[in-house]
Amino acid sequence: MDRLASKVVLVTGGARGIGRGIALHAAAEGARVVVADVGYEYDGSGAPSRAPADKVVTEIEGAGGEALAVCEDVSTLEGAGRMVAAALDSFGRLDGVVNCAGIAVQKPLWEFEARDWDTVVAVHLRGQLPRHGQRGHVHGVGARAGAPGAPAAGGAGGAGRGRGGGGRGGARGRARARG
């Protein structure tokens, strides 16, 4: 199928989990995909690495698709801006952004330290700020790990609720601005 033929889609957190699945599916539908992932471990630890994103790009290209790996940190304005710039520089356009980047600090919320909370909020909330101008559609995706009642995912759950609310509020504001 080619429902996304000629489209360019940027997927944050595109190297693993839900993001990987979305990147592969978008490519199978004909999109050129920017696989943006900083390469940290699921809990946010480790050093930046392009290897996980490169692996997904290899899969996409092996299936006949076109993709680009970008190792940037979505939780910083500069990193997110470089993701968008890479899409525009490589493909000349950006039609959609799917925000899947997330981390899971696996401990109850009451055991969080300030740095745990700051890291989760930076990725899950600040990482959702639109930095693509008026280009295309923006979609935020969350996992069941942050669902109410998940004992070791309080931070992700709280940030996920903020992600959803912020996304809806931003969409309404954008619609009003367009008239």
Foldseek 3Di string as FASTA:
>chain_A
DAPQAPAEEEEEVCLDDPNVVVQLVNQVNHYAYEREYQPAPQQRDDHGDQVSQVVSQVVSVVVVGHYHYHNFQLLDLVRVLVSLVVRCVVSVAHAEYEYPDAHANFAAPVPDDPVSLVVRLSRLPSSQDDPNPPHHYYHYDADCCLPPPNGRGVSNVVSNVVNVVVVVVVVVVVVVVVD
